[in-house]
C-alpha cells in the first residue's frame, strides 16, 4: 500500500514504535515482579494448614520397595497413615494421645503415645517442611504459573539432598540409610498462590543404594481440602487396649 501523506506515515510508525516499547516495558516489569525464592520459602513455611494429604514411594527397577500415604487434619488433630514395605504393612490412626495400629491386617491395637512422639512429623508436614530449603534458596528458580508461582530446583547439589533426608516429613515413614546412599539427581517443585500459601509440593530424588539405583518421590497435596477426618467407630470399638493388658 502506498501512502501519499508522509506525515501520516511517520505518525503511524511513531505510534507503532511507542506501542511496542510500552508492551516491552510491561512484559519486563511483569517478569521483574517475581518474588525471590527466599521470600517464597520464608513466607510459605510460616503458614499453618488445617488439612493435607501426602504420599511417599521408594522404587527400584520399576518395583515399589516402600510406600506410604498420610491424611492429616488439625482441628481436631487426627492423622491416618497407611505404610507398606517389603516385609511389613501397617495402618495407623493418631488422635490426641491415642494411637490405633494394625499390623499386616491383624487386630487393631490401641496405645497411648507419649507427648511429642508424632509432633516433629506433624510439624514438618504443617509448615516446617520447607525450612531446610531456606538456606539453599539460591539453588531454586521462580516461575510464574498463571497468577501463582512455582519454585523449582533441578540438580544434584549434595546440600539439597541432605536437606531432604534430614526432614522428618520426608523420612519418618520411609526409612533411608543415608550413610550408604549416593545421590544422583533431585527435582523439587513447590507451587504457591499469590499470598504464598502452598498448593502442593513435589520431591523426586534418584540415588544409588548398595549398587542399585532407586528413586524416592514425595507429594503433598489436598492442602486445606480435607473437610473432616475421623477414626472409624469399628476401629475404636474392636481395638485391643495394650495399656489395660499391661496393668493386669
C-alpha atoms as a PDB file:
ATOM      1  CA  UNK A   1       0.000   0.000   0.000  1.00  0.00           C
ATOM      2  CA  UNK A   2       1.383   3.427  -0.935  1.00  0.00           C
ATOM      3  CA  UNK A   3       0.989   6.372   1.414  1.00  0.00           C
ATOM      4  CA  UNK A   4       0.661   9.799  -0.212  1.00  0.00           C
ATOM      5  CA  UNK A   5       0.937  11.671   3.092  1.00  0.00           C
ATOM      6  CA  UNK A   6       4.449  11.250   4.515  1.00  0.00           C
ATOM      7  CA  UNK A   7       3.422  12.900   7.788  1.00  0.00           C
ATOM      8  CA  UNK A   8       0.716  10.287   8.268  1.00  0.00           C
ATOM      9  CA  UNK A   9       3.231   7.516   7.581  1.00  0.00           C
ATOM     10  CA  UNK A  10       5.713   8.932  10.068  1.00  0.00           C
ATOM     11  CA  UNK A  11       2.953   9.305  12.631  1.00  0.00           C
ATOM     12  CA  UNK A  12       1.878   5.684  12.244  1.00  0.00           C
ATOM     13  CA  UNK A  13       5.477   4.455  12.555  1.00  0.00           C
ATOM     14  CA  UNK A  14       5.992   6.539  15.681  1.00  0.00           C
ATOM     15  CA  UNK A  15       2.745   5.220  17.185  1.00  0.00           C
ATOM     16  CA  UNK A  16       3.750   1.627  16.403  1.00  0.00           C
ATOM     17  CA  UNK A  17       7.159   2.143  17.999  1.00  0.00           C
ATOM     18  CA  UNK A  18       5.535   3.622  21.089  1.00  0.00           C
ATOM     19  CA  UNK A  19       3.165   0.678  21.420  1.00  0.00           C
ATOM     20  CA  UNK A  20       5.987  -1.832  21.025  1.00  0.00           C
ATOM     21  CA  UNK A  21       8.053  -0.015  23.617  1.00  0.00           C
ATOM     22  CA  UNK A  22       5.147   0.067  26.083  1.00  0.00           C
ATOM     23  CA  UNK A  23       4.453  -3.643  25.593  1.00  0.00           C
ATOM     24  CA  UNK A  24       8.123  -4.455  26.088  1.00  0.00           C
ATOM     25  CA  UNK A  25       8.276  -2.418  29.295  1.00  0.00           C
ATOM     26  CA  UNK A  26       5.103  -4.028  30.556  1.00  0.00           C
ATOM     27  CA  UNK A  27       6.463  -7.511  29.823  1.00  0.00           C
ATOM     28  CA  UNK A  28       9.761  -6.724  31.526  1.00  0.00           C
ATOM     29  CA  UNK A  29       8.010  -5.249  34.518  1.00  0.00           C
ATOM     30  CA  UNK A  30       5.752  -8.299  34.757  1.00  0.00           C
ATOM     31  CA  UNK A  31       8.772 -10.591  34.850  1.00  0.00           C
ATOM     32  CA  UNK A  32      10.757  -8.413  37.243  1.00  0.00           C
ATOM     33  CA  UNK A  33       7.919  -8.538  39.762  1.00  0.00           C
ATOM     34  CA  UNK A  34       8.589 -12.193  40.524  1.00  0.00           C
ATOM     35  CA  UNK A  35       9.268 -12.717  44.238  1.00  0.00           C
ATOM     36  CA  UNK A  36      12.596 -14.211  45.222  1.00  0.00           C
ATOM     37  CA  UNK A  37      12.933 -17.869  46.142  1.00  0.00           C
ATOM     38  CA  UNK A  38      13.895 -16.815  49.658  1.00  0.00           C
ATOM     39  CA  UNK A  39      10.710 -14.758  50.016  1.00  0.00           C
ATOM     40  CA  UNK A  40       8.539 -17.662  48.884  1.00  0.00           C
ATOM     41  CA  UNK A  41      10.249 -20.214  51.141  1.00  0.00           C
ATOM     42  CA  UNK A  42      10.265 -17.924  54.175  1.00  0.00           C
ATOM     43  CA  UNK A  43       6.638 -16.853  53.911  1.00  0.00           C
ATOM     44  CA  UNK A  44       5.284 -20.239  52.827  1.00  0.00           C
ATOM     45  CA  UNK A  45       6.791 -22.103  55.776  1.00  0.00           C
ATOM     46  CA  UNK A  46       5.006 -19.802  58.246  1.00  0.00           C
ATOM     47  CA  UNK A  47       1.556 -20.930  57.131  1.00  0.00           C
ATOM     48  CA  UNK A  48      -0.473 -23.342  59.238  1.00  0.00           C
ATOM     49  CA  UNK A  49      -2.814 -25.616  57.349  1.00  0.00           C
ATOM     50  CA  UNK A  50      -5.994 -27.268  58.522  1.00  0.00           C
ATOM     51  CA  UNK A  51      -5.556 -30.425  56.463  1.00  0.00           C
ATOM     52  CA  UNK A  52      -3.435 -32.137  53.832  1.00  0.00           C
ATOM     53  CA  UNK A  53      -2.626 -35.389  52.082  1.00  0.00           C
ATOM     54  CA  UNK A  54       0.836 -36.784  51.336  1.00  0.00           C
ATOM     55  CA  UNK A  55       2.314 -39.817  49.598  1.00  0.00           C
ATOM     56  CA  UNK A  56       5.786 -41.376  49.546  1.00  0.00           C
ATOM     57  CA  UNK A  57       7.223 -44.003  47.182  1.00  0.00           C
ATOM     58  CA  UNK A  58      10.611 -45.667  47.025  1.00  0.00           C
ATOM     59  CA  UNK A  59      11.171 -47.689  43.841  1.00  0.00           C
ATOM     60  CA  UNK A  60      13.928 -49.682  42.147  1.00  0.00           C
ATOM     61  CA  UNK A  61      13.800 -51.151  38.626  1.00  0.00           C
ATOM     62  CA  UNK A  62      10.096 -50.368  38.426  1.00  0.00           C
ATOM     63  CA  UNK A  63       9.339 -52.244  41.647  1.00  0.00           C
ATOM     64  CA  UNK A  64       7.895 -50.463  44.682  1.00  0.00           C
ATOM     65  CA  UNK A  65      10.054 -51.097  47.740  1.00  0.00           C
ATOM     66  CA  UNK A  66       8.232 -48.826  50.168  1.00  0.00           C
ATOM     67  CA  UNK A  67       5.150 -46.660  50.004  1.00  0.00           C
ATOM     68  CA  UNK A  68       3.126 -44.592  52.418  1.00  0.00           C
ATOM     69  CA  UNK A  69       0.082 -42.343  52.387  1.00  0.00           C
ATOM     70  CA  UNK A  70      -0.983 -39.915  55.088  1.00  0.00           C
ATOM     71  CA  UNK A  71      -4.032 -37.761  55.696  1.00  0.00           C
ATOM     72  CA  UNK A  72      -3.938 -35.065  58.333  1.00  0.00           C
ATOM     73  CA  UNK A  73      -6.334 -32.595  59.931  1.00  0.00           C
ATOM     74  CA  UNK A  74      -5.510 -30.093  62.666  1.00  0.00           C
ATOM     75  CA  UNK A  75      -8.948 -29.313  64.137  1.00  0.00           C
ATOM     76  CA  UNK A  76      -9.058 -31.789  65.748  1.00  0.00           C
ATOM     77  CA  UNK A  77      -5.568 -33.208  65.248  1.00  0.00           C
ATOM     78  CA  UNK A  78      -6.028 -36.569  63.526  1.00  0.00           C
ATOM     79  CA  UNK A  79      -3.515 -38.480  61.418  1.00  0.00           C
ATOM     80  CA  UNK A  80      -4.134 -41.550  59.287  1.00  0.00           C
ATOM     81  CA  UNK A  81      -1.142 -43.425  57.841  1.00  0.00           C
ATOM     82  CA  UNK A  82      -1.006 -46.455  55.566  1.00  0.00           C
ATOM     83  CA  UNK A  83       2.563 -47.754  55.209  1.00  0.00           C
ATOM     84  CA  UNK A  84       3.856 -50.707  53.168  1.00  0.00           C
ATOM     85  CA  UNK A  85       7.356 -52.147  52.868  1.00  0.00           C
ATOM     86  CA  UNK A  86       8.725 -55.413  51.521  1.00  0.00           C
ATOM     87  CA  UNK A  87       8.254 -57.263  54.809  1.00  0.00           C
ATOM     88  CA  UNK A  88       5.785 -55.100  56.669  1.00  0.00           C
ATOM     89  CA  UNK A  89       2.432 -53.366  56.270  1.00  0.00           C
ATOM     90  CA  UNK A  90       0.666 -51.332  58.896  1.00  0.00           C
ATOM     91  CA  UNK A  91      -2.121 -48.820  59.235  1.00  0.00           C
ATOM     92  CA  UNK A  92      -2.255 -46.241  61.984  1.00  0.00           C
ATOM     93  CA  UNK A  93      -4.658 -43.675  63.356  1.00  0.00           C
ATOM     94  CA  UNK A  94      -3.497 -40.964  65.757  1.00  0.00           C
ATOM     95  CA  UNK A  95      -5.975 -38.861  67.725  1.00  0.00           C
ATOM     96  CA  UNK A  96      -4.611 -36.784  70.578  1.00  0.00           C
ATOM     97  CA  UNK A  97      -2.559 -39.125  72.768  1.00  0.00           C
ATOM     98  CA  UNK A  98      -4.247 -42.253  71.449  1.00  0.00           C
ATOM     99  CA  UNK A  99      -2.854 -44.356  68.627  1.00  0.00           C
ATOM    100  CA  UNK A 100      -4.546 -47.262  66.882  1.00  0.00           C
ATOM    101  CA  UNK A 101      -2.267 -49.612  64.941  1.00  0.00           C
ATOM    102  CA  UNK A 102      -2.998 -52.584  62.699  1.00  0.00           C
ATOM    103  CA  UNK A 103      -0.084 -54.770  61.600  1.00  0.00           C
ATOM    104  CA  UNK A 104      -0.388 -56.871  58.426  1.00  0.00           C
ATOM    105  CA  UNK A 105      -4.179 -56.832  58.509  1.00  0.00           C
ATOM    106  CA  UNK A 106      -4.450 -58.312  62.018  1.00  0.00           C
ATOM    107  CA  UNK A 107      -6.319 -56.850  65.001  1.00  0.00           C
ATOM    108  CA  UNK A 108      -6.241 -53.171  65.826  1.00  0.00           C
ATOM    109  CA  UNK A 109      -4.268 -52.259  68.938  1.00  0.00           C
ATOM    110  CA  UNK A 110      -4.690 -49.111  70.987  1.00  0.00           C
ATOM    111  CA  UNK A 111      -1.725 -47.434  72.634  1.00  0.00           C
ATOM    112  CA  UNK A 112      -1.129 -44.151  74.414  1.00  0.00           C
ATOM    113  CA  UNK A 113       1.549 -42.109  72.730  1.00  0.00           C
ATOM    114  CA  UNK A 114       3.996 -40.066  74.776  1.00  0.00           C
ATOM    115  CA  UNK A 115       3.783 -36.330  74.301  1.00  0.00           C
ATOM    116  CA  UNK A 116       5.763 -35.262  71.255  1.00  0.00           C
ATOM    117  CA  UNK A 117       6.016 -38.728  69.701  1.00  0.00           C
ATOM    118  CA  UNK A 118       4.440 -37.538  66.457  1.00  0.00           C
ATOM    119  CA  UNK A 119       4.879 -33.789  66.941  1.00  0.00           C
ATOM    120  CA  UNK A 120       8.014 -33.438  64.785  1.00  0.00           C
ATOM    121  CA  UNK A 121       6.390 -35.367  61.963  1.00  0.00           C
ATOM    122  CA  UNK A 122       3.180 -33.311  62.115  1.00  0.00           C
ATOM    123  CA  UNK A 123       5.070 -30.024  62.430  1.00  0.00           C
ATOM    124  CA  UNK A 124       7.225 -30.957  59.459  1.00  0.00           C
ATOM    125  CA  UNK A 125       4.162 -31.598  57.352  1.00  0.00           C
ATOM    126  CA  UNK A 126       2.410 -28.464  58.548  1.00  0.00           C
ATOM    127  CA  UNK A 127       4.779 -25.637  57.623  1.00  0.00           C
ATOM    128  CA  UNK A 128       8.226 -26.888  58.668  1.00  0.00           C
ATOM    129  CA  UNK A 129       8.567 -28.972  55.514  1.00  0.00           C
ATOM    130  CA  UNK A 130      10.244 -26.087  53.672  1.00  0.00           C
ATOM    131  CA  UNK A 131      12.523 -24.811  56.454  1.00  0.00           C
ATOM    132  CA  UNK A 132      15.582 -26.946  55.463  1.00  0.00           C
ATOM    133  CA  UNK A 133      15.497 -25.350  51.994  1.00  0.00           C
ATOM    134  CA  UNK A 134      15.583 -21.703  53.141  1.00  0.00           C
ATOM    135  CA  UNK A 135      19.418 -21.557  53.473  1.00  0.00           C
ATOM    136  CA  UNK A 136      19.574 -23.073  49.970  1.00  0.00           C
ATOM    137  CA  UNK A 137      17.207 -20.565  48.348  1.00  0.00           C
ATOM    138  CA  UNK A 138      19.797 -19.577  45.722  1.00  0.00           C
ATOM    139  CA  UNK A 139      19.549 -23.080  44.254  1.00  0.00           C
ATOM    140  CA  UNK A 140      15.882 -22.507  43.327  1.00  0.00           C
ATOM    141  CA  UNK A 141      14.317 -20.685  40.392  1.00  0.00           C
ATOM    142  CA  UNK A 142      10.966 -18.907  40.439  1.00  0.00           C
ATOM    143  CA  UNK A 143       8.490 -19.098  37.570  1.00  0.00           C
ATOM    144  CA  UNK A 144       5.057 -17.600  37.171  1.00  0.00           C
ATOM    145  CA  UNK A 145       2.190 -20.064  36.905  1.00  0.00           C
ATOM    146  CA  UNK A 146      -0.839 -18.001  35.957  1.00  0.00           C
ATOM    147  CA  UNK A 147      -1.476 -15.796  38.989  1.00  0.00           C
ATOM    148  CA  UNK A 148       0.570 -18.148  41.157  1.00  0.00           C
ATOM    149  CA  UNK A 149       4.247 -19.033  41.469  1.00  0.00           C
ATOM    150  CA  UNK A 150       6.277 -22.212  41.025  1.00  0.00           C
ATOM    151  CA  UNK A 151       9.523 -22.665  42.945  1.00  0.00           C
ATOM    152  CA  UNK A 152      11.731 -25.140  41.067  1.00  0.00           C
ATOM    153  CA  UNK A 153      15.002 -26.933  41.711  1.00  0.00           C
ATOM    154  CA  UNK A 154      16.758 -29.444  39.438  1.00  0.00           C
ATOM    155  CA  UNK A 155      20.249 -30.761  40.092  1.00  0.00           C
ATOM    156  CA  UNK A 156      22.490 -32.912  42.245  1.00  0.00           C
ATOM    157  CA  UNK A 157      23.574 -30.482  44.958  1.00  0.00           C
ATOM    158  CA  UNK A 158      24.626 -32.533  47.996  1.00  0.00           C
ATOM    159  CA  UNK A 159      23.313 -29.895  50.413  1.00  0.00           C
ATOM    160  CA  UNK A 160      19.839 -30.101  48.863  1.00  0.00           C
ATOM    161  CA  UNK A 161      19.904 -33.885  49.227  1.00  0.00           C
ATOM    162  CA  UNK A 162      20.982 -33.565  52.874  1.00  0.00           C
ATOM    163  CA  UNK A 163      18.123 -31.126  53.468  1.00  0.00           C
ATOM    164  CA  UNK A 164      15.663 -33.675  52.078  1.00  0.00           C
ATOM    165  CA  UNK A 165      16.841 -36.676  54.098  1.00  0.00           C
ATOM    166  CA  UNK A 166      17.138 -34.616  57.291  1.00  0.00           C
ATOM    167  CA  UNK A 167      13.481 -33.589  57.051  1.00  0.00           C
ATOM    168  CA  UNK A 168      11.235 -35.596  59.388  1.00  0.00           C
ATOM    169  CA  UNK A 169       8.310 -35.186  56.998  1.00  0.00           C
ATOM    170  CA  UNK A 170      10.251 -37.000  54.277  1.00  0.00           C
ATOM    171  CA  UNK A 171      11.994 -39.766  56.217  1.00  0.00           C
ATOM    172  CA  UNK A 172       9.761 -40.609  59.191  1.00  0.00           C
ATOM    173  CA  UNK A 173       7.606 -43.076  57.256  1.00  0.00           C
ATOM    174  CA  UNK A 174      10.079 -44.026  54.513  1.00  0.00           C
ATOM    175  CA  UNK A 175      13.366 -45.149  56.023  1.00  0.00           C
ATOM    176  CA  UNK A 176      16.587 -44.477  54.085  1.00  0.00           C
ATOM    177  CA  UNK A 177      20.081 -45.435  55.241  1.00  0.00           C
ATOM    178  CA  UNK A 178      21.773 -42.181  54.233  1.00  0.00           C
ATOM    179  CA  UNK A 179      25.261 -43.469  55.110  1.00  0.00           C
ATOM    180  CA  UNK A 180      25.277 -45.829  52.106  1.00  0.00           C
ATOM    181  CA  UNK A 181      23.426 -43.591  49.672  1.00  0.00           C
ATOM    182  CA  UNK A 182      24.951 -41.650  46.778  1.00  0.00           C
ATOM    183  CA  UNK A 183      22.538 -39.029  45.370  1.00  0.00           C
ATOM    184  CA  UNK A 184      22.225 -38.792  41.574  1.00  0.00           C
ATOM    185  CA  UNK A 185      19.593 -36.172  40.827  1.00  0.00           C
ATOM    186  CA  UNK A 186      16.812 -34.292  42.608  1.00  0.00           C
ATOM    187  CA  UNK A 187      13.811 -32.327  41.355  1.00  0.00           C
ATOM    188  CA  UNK A 188      11.668 -30.170  43.641  1.00  0.00           C
ATOM    189  CA  UNK A 189       8.640 -28.075  42.799  1.00  0.00           C
ATOM    190  CA  UNK A 190       6.685 -26.002  45.280  1.00  0.00           C
ATOM    191  CA  UNK A 191       3.515 -24.374  43.945  1.00  0.00           C
ATOM    192  CA  UNK A 192       2.206 -21.399  45.911  1.00  0.00           C
ATOM    193  CA  UNK A 193      -0.561 -18.889  45.363  1.00  0.00           C
ATOM    194  CA  UNK A 194      -0.041 -15.125  45.203  1.00  0.00           C
ATOM    195  CA  UNK A 195      -0.229 -14.973  49.022  1.00  0.00           C
ATOM    196  CA  UNK A 196       2.471 -17.657  49.326  1.00  0.00           C
ATOM    197  CA  UNK A 197       0.113 -20.334  50.585  1.00  0.00           C
ATOM    198  CA  UNK A 198       1.377 -23.728  49.429  1.00  0.00           C
ATOM    199  CA  UNK A 199      -0.831 -25.542  46.916  1.00  0.00           C
ATOM    200  CA  UNK A 200       1.356 -28.616  46.593  1.00  0.00           C
ATOM    201  CA  UNK A 201       4.919 -29.879  46.984  1.00  0.00           C
ATOM    202  CA  UNK A 202       6.636 -32.437  44.734  1.00  0.00           C
ATOM    203  CA  UNK A 203      10.021 -34.003  45.532  1.00  0.00           C
ATOM    204  CA  UNK A 204      11.679 -36.640  43.338  1.00  0.00           C
ATOM    205  CA  UNK A 205      15.192 -37.924  44.029  1.00  0.00           C
ATOM    206  CA  UNK A 206      17.248 -40.650  42.425  1.00  0.00           C
ATOM    207  CA  UNK A 207      20.215 -42.243  44.174  1.00  0.00           C
ATOM    208  CA  UNK A 208      22.371 -45.358  44.440  1.00  0.00           C
ATOM    209  CA  UNK A 209      21.981 -47.636  47.434  1.00  0.00           C
ATOM    210  CA  UNK A 210      24.064 -50.824  47.654  1.00  0.00           C
ATOM    211  CA  UNK A 211      24.805 -50.526  43.956  1.00  0.00           C
ATOM    212  CA  UNK A 212      21.132 -50.252  42.989  1.00  0.00           C
ATOM    213  CA  UNK A 213      19.553 -47.166  41.505  1.00  0.00           C
ATOM    214  CA  UNK A 214      16.490 -46.119  43.489  1.00  0.00           C
ATOM    215  CA  UNK A 215      14.021 -43.260  43.374  1.00  0.00           C
ATOM    216  CA  UNK A 216      12.189 -41.527  46.200  1.00  0.00           C
ATOM    217  CA  UNK A 217       9.133 -39.397  45.491  1.00  0.00           C
ATOM    218  CA  UNK A 218       7.039 -37.377  47.885  1.00  0.00           C
ATOM    219  CA  UNK A 219       3.914 -35.409  47.006  1.00  0.00           C
ATOM    220  CA  UNK A 220       1.964 -33.138  49.333  1.00  0.00           C
ATOM    221  CA  UNK A 221      -1.444 -32.004  48.101  1.00  0.00           C
ATOM    222  CA  UNK A 222      -5.120 -31.503  49.035  1.00  0.00           C
ATOM    223  CA  UNK A 223      -3.979 -28.728  51.366  1.00  0.00           C
ATOM    224  CA  UNK A 224      -6.979 -27.370  53.303  1.00  0.00           C
ATOM    225  CA  UNK A 225      -9.271 -29.526  51.160  1.00  0.00           C
ATOM    226  CA  UNK A 226      -9.981 -32.393  53.575  1.00  0.00           C
ATOM    227  CA  UNK A 227     -13.068 -31.213  55.429  1.00  0.00           C
ATOM    228  CA  UNK A 228     -13.314 -33.966  58.010  1.00  0.00           C
ATOM    229  CA  UNK A 229     -11.220 -36.907  59.170  1.00  0.00           C
ATOM    230  CA  UNK A 230     -12.400 -39.294  61.865  1.00  0.00           C
ATOM    231  CA  UNK A 231     -11.383 -42.693  63.155  1.00  0.00           C
ATOM    232  CA  UNK A 232     -13.938 -45.355  62.125  1.00  0.00           C
ATOM    233  CA  UNK A 233     -16.073 -46.455  65.063  1.00  0.00           C
ATOM    234  CA  UNK A 234     -15.254 -50.102  64.295  1.00  0.00           C
ATOM    235  CA  UNK A 235     -11.542 -49.406  64.863  1.00  0.00           C
ATOM    236  CA  UNK A 236     -12.180 -47.855  68.283  1.00  0.00           C
ATOM    237  CA  UNK A 237     -14.720 -50.461  69.305  1.00  0.00           C
ATOM    238  CA  UNK A 238     -12.772 -53.553  68.292  1.00  0.00           C
ATOM    239  CA  UNK A 239      -9.238 -52.430  69.161  1.00  0.00           C
ATOM    240  CA  UNK A 240      -7.270 -54.180  71.912  1.00  0.00           C
ATOM    241  CA  UNK A 241      -6.133 -51.679  74.559  1.00  0.00           C
ATOM    242  CA  UNK A 242      -2.498 -52.549  75.268  1.00  0.00           C
ATOM    243  CA  UNK A 243      -2.474 -50.181  78.243  1.00  0.00           C
ATOM    244  CA  UNK A 244      -5.062 -52.282  80.043  1.00  0.00           C
ATOM    245  CA  UNK A 245      -3.220 -55.513  79.256  1.00  0.00           C
ATOM    246  CA  UNK A 246      -0.001 -54.163  80.804  1.00  0.00           C
ATOM    247  CA  UNK A 247      -1.815 -53.380  84.077  1.00  0.00           C
ATOM    248  CA  UNK A 248      -3.061 -56.935  84.506  1.00  0.00           C
END
